[in-house]
Amino acid sequence: MCQMKIILKQGDREEVVLENASILEVTDKGVMVSAMFEQPKMIPGSEVSSIDFLNGRVTVTKKKGNT
């Protein structure tokens, strides 16, 4: 199974939002992520900025104009 770590990057700061994410959905409101047996988490006003398949990392950032 390929599960990813979801990282929220704000400037030079990185925060782990979710370990072992199994679902990621981009919506008009932001990025929704979930892991098995956990409630989904919305990262409002965000977008996917990079995916590192080798290291199992998805980096999301706030959209321009959203702080």
N, C-alpha and C. Protein backbone atom coordinates (compact mmCIF):
# COMPACT_ATOMS: atom_id res chain seq x y z
N MET A 1 0.85 -1.18 0.00
CA MET A 1 0.00 0.00 0.00
C MET A 1 0.89 1.24 0.00
N CYS A 2 0.49 2.24 -0.76
CA CYS A 2 1.28 3.46 -0.86
C CYS A 2 0.55 4.59 -0.15
N GLN A 3 1.02 4.93 1.04
CA GLN A 3 0.41 6.01 1.79
C GLN A 3 1.39 7.16 1.86
N MET A 4 0.85 8.37 1.90
CA MET A 4 1.67 9.57 1.80
C MET A 4 1.58 10.41 3.08
N LYS A 5 2.61 11.21 3.29
CA LYS A 5 2.63 12.19 4.37
C LYS A 5 2.21 13.52 3.74
N ILE A 6 1.25 14.21 4.34
CA ILE A 6 0.77 15.49 3.83
C ILE A 6 1.42 16.60 4.63
N ILE A 7 2.12 17.48 3.93
CA ILE A 7 2.87 18.58 4.55
C ILE A 7 2.26 19.91 4.11
N LEU A 8 1.96 20.79 5.07
CA LEU A 8 1.53 22.15 4.76
C LEU A 8 2.74 23.06 4.89
N LYS A 9 3.14 23.68 3.79
CA LYS A 9 4.30 24.57 3.79
C LYS A 9 3.82 26.01 3.75
N GLN A 10 4.28 26.80 4.72
CA GLN A 10 3.97 28.22 4.80
C GLN A 10 5.28 28.96 5.00
N GLY A 11 5.77 29.58 3.93
CA GLY A 11 7.08 30.23 3.98
C GLY A 11 8.16 29.18 4.17
N ASP A 12 8.99 29.34 5.20
CA ASP A 12 10.04 28.38 5.49
C ASP A 12 9.58 27.28 6.45
N ARG A 13 8.36 27.39 6.94
CA ARG A 13 7.83 26.47 7.95
C ARG A 13 7.05 25.33 7.29
N GLU A 14 7.27 24.11 7.76
CA GLU A 14 6.54 22.95 7.29
C GLU A 14 5.86 22.26 8.46
N GLU A 15 4.59 21.92 8.28
CA GLU A 15 3.81 21.26 9.33
C GLU A 15 3.20 19.97 8.75
N VAL A 16 3.40 18.87 9.45
CA VAL A 16 2.79 17.62 9.03
C VAL A 16 1.30 17.68 9.38
N VAL A 17 0.46 17.62 8.37
CA VAL A 17 -0.99 17.67 8.57
C VAL A 17 -1.54 16.28 8.82
N LEU A 18 -0.99 15.28 8.08
CA LEU A 18 -1.51 13.93 8.21
C LEU A 18 -0.45 12.93 7.79
N GLU A 19 -0.26 11.92 8.61
CA GLU A 19 0.61 10.79 8.28
C GLU A 19 -0.25 9.72 7.62
N ASN A 20 0.32 8.94 6.76
CA ASN A 20 -0.36 7.78 6.17
C ASN A 20 -1.67 8.12 5.47
N ALA A 21 -1.69 9.21 4.72
CA ALA A 21 -2.88 9.58 3.97
C ALA A 21 -3.12 8.57 2.86
N SER A 22 -4.38 8.18 2.71
CA SER A 22 -4.72 7.23 1.65
C SER A 22 -5.59 7.87 0.57
N ILE A 23 -6.21 9.01 0.87
CA ILE A 23 -7.05 9.72 -0.10
C ILE A 23 -6.74 11.21 -0.05
N LEU A 24 -6.60 11.83 -1.22
CA LEU A 24 -6.43 13.27 -1.33
C LEU A 24 -7.38 13.74 -2.42
N GLU A 25 -8.18 14.76 -2.10
CA GLU A 25 -9.13 15.30 -3.06
C GLU A 25 -8.97 16.82 -3.10
N VAL A 26 -8.79 17.36 -4.29
CA VAL A 26 -8.71 18.81 -4.47
C VAL A 26 -10.13 19.31 -4.73
N THR A 27 -10.57 20.27 -3.92
CA THR A 27 -11.92 20.84 -4.06
C THR A 27 -11.80 22.35 -4.25
N ASP A 28 -12.94 22.99 -4.49
CA ASP A 28 -12.95 24.45 -4.61
C ASP A 28 -12.59 25.13 -3.29
N LYS A 29 -12.81 24.44 -2.18
CA LYS A 29 -12.55 25.01 -0.86
C LYS A 29 -11.14 24.75 -0.36
N GLY A 30 -10.43 23.81 -0.97
CA GLY A 30 -9.08 23.47 -0.53
C GLY A 30 -8.79 22.00 -0.80
N VAL A 31 -7.88 21.46 -0.02
CA VAL A 31 -7.48 20.06 -0.19
C VAL A 31 -8.04 19.25 0.98
N MET A 32 -8.75 18.17 0.62
CA MET A 32 -9.32 17.26 1.62
C MET A 32 -8.45 16.01 1.64
N VAL A 33 -7.98 15.61 2.83
CA VAL A 33 -7.15 14.41 2.96
C VAL A 33 -7.74 13.51 4.03
N SER A 34 -7.51 12.21 3.88
CA SER A 34 -7.96 11.29 4.90
C SER A 34 -7.07 10.07 4.94
N ALA A 35 -7.06 9.43 6.09
CA ALA A 35 -6.33 8.20 6.32
C ALA A 35 -7.34 7.15 6.76
N MET A 36 -6.96 5.91 6.66
CA MET A 36 -7.87 4.84 7.06
C MET A 36 -8.26 4.99 8.53
N PHE A 37 -9.53 4.79 8.81
CA PHE A 37 -10.08 4.81 10.16
C PHE A 37 -10.02 6.18 10.83
N GLU A 38 -9.81 7.26 10.06
CA GLU A 38 -9.80 8.62 10.61
C GLU A 38 -10.77 9.49 9.83
N GLN A 39 -11.27 10.52 10.48
CA GLN A 39 -12.14 11.48 9.81
C GLN A 39 -11.32 12.28 8.79
N PRO A 40 -11.92 12.64 7.65
CA PRO A 40 -11.22 13.48 6.68
C PRO A 40 -10.88 14.84 7.28
N LYS A 41 -9.78 15.42 6.79
CA LYS A 41 -9.36 16.76 7.23
C LYS A 41 -9.33 17.67 6.01
N MET A 42 -9.91 18.85 6.15
CA MET A 42 -9.88 19.87 5.09
C MET A 42 -8.74 20.83 5.40
N ILE A 43 -7.94 21.12 4.40
CA ILE A 43 -6.91 22.17 4.52
C ILE A 43 -7.45 23.32 3.68
N PRO A 44 -8.19 24.24 4.32
CA PRO A 44 -8.90 25.27 3.55
C PRO A 44 -7.97 26.22 2.82
N GLY A 45 -8.40 26.63 1.62
CA GLY A 45 -7.66 27.62 0.84
C GLY A 45 -6.31 27.14 0.37
N SER A 46 -6.13 25.83 0.23
CA SER A 46 -4.82 25.30 -0.14
C SER A 46 -4.86 24.62 -1.51
N GLU A 47 -3.67 24.37 -2.04
CA GLU A 47 -3.51 23.68 -3.31
C GLU A 47 -2.28 22.79 -3.23
N VAL A 48 -2.24 21.75 -4.03
CA VAL A 48 -1.08 20.86 -4.07
C VAL A 48 0.03 21.57 -4.82
N SER A 49 1.20 21.68 -4.19
CA SER A 49 2.33 22.34 -4.86
C SER A 49 3.35 21.34 -5.38
N SER A 50 3.48 20.15 -4.71
CA SER A 50 4.39 19.13 -5.22
C SER A 50 4.04 17.77 -4.63
N ILE A 51 4.41 16.75 -5.39
CA ILE A 51 4.24 15.37 -4.93
C ILE A 51 5.57 14.66 -5.13
N ASP A 52 6.11 14.11 -4.05
CA ASP A 52 7.37 13.36 -4.09
C ASP A 52 7.02 11.89 -3.89
N PHE A 53 6.86 11.16 -4.98
CA PHE A 53 6.45 9.76 -4.89
C PHE A 53 7.53 8.90 -4.24
N LEU A 54 8.79 9.22 -4.49
CA LEU A 54 9.89 8.43 -3.96
C LEU A 54 9.91 8.46 -2.43
N ASN A 55 9.69 9.65 -1.85
CA ASN A 55 9.73 9.80 -0.40
C ASN A 55 8.36 9.82 0.25
N GLY A 56 7.28 9.65 -0.53
CA GLY A 56 5.94 9.59 0.04
C GLY A 56 5.47 10.87 0.67
N ARG A 57 5.70 12.00 -0.03
CA ARG A 57 5.34 13.32 0.51
C ARG A 57 4.49 14.09 -0.48
N VAL A 58 3.42 14.70 0.02
CA VAL A 58 2.64 15.66 -0.76
C VAL A 58 2.75 16.99 -0.03
N THR A 59 3.20 18.01 -0.73
CA THR A 59 3.32 19.34 -0.14
C THR A 59 2.17 20.20 -0.65
N VAL A 60 1.45 20.82 0.28
CA VAL A 60 0.39 21.76 -0.07
C VAL A 60 0.75 23.13 0.47
N THR A 61 0.30 24.15 -0.23
CA THR A 61 0.53 25.54 0.17
C THR A 61 -0.80 26.28 0.09
N LYS A 62 -0.89 27.39 0.78
CA LYS A 62 -2.08 28.24 0.69
C LYS A 62 -2.09 28.91 -0.67
N LYS A 63 -3.26 29.02 -1.26
CA LYS A 63 -3.41 29.70 -2.54
C LYS A 63 -3.10 31.18 -2.35
N LYS A 64 -2.63 31.80 -3.38
CA LYS A 64 -2.36 33.25 -3.31
C LYS A 64 -3.65 33.97 -2.93
N GLY A 65 -3.54 34.89 -1.99
CA GLY A 65 -4.71 35.62 -1.52
C GLY A 65 -5.36 34.99 -0.31
N ASN A 66 -4.98 33.77 0.07
CA ASN A 66 -5.49 33.09 1.27
C ASN A 66 -4.36 32.98 2.28
N THR A 67 -4.60 33.44 3.50
CA THR A 67 -3.57 33.34 4.53
C THR A 67 -4.07 32.57 5.71
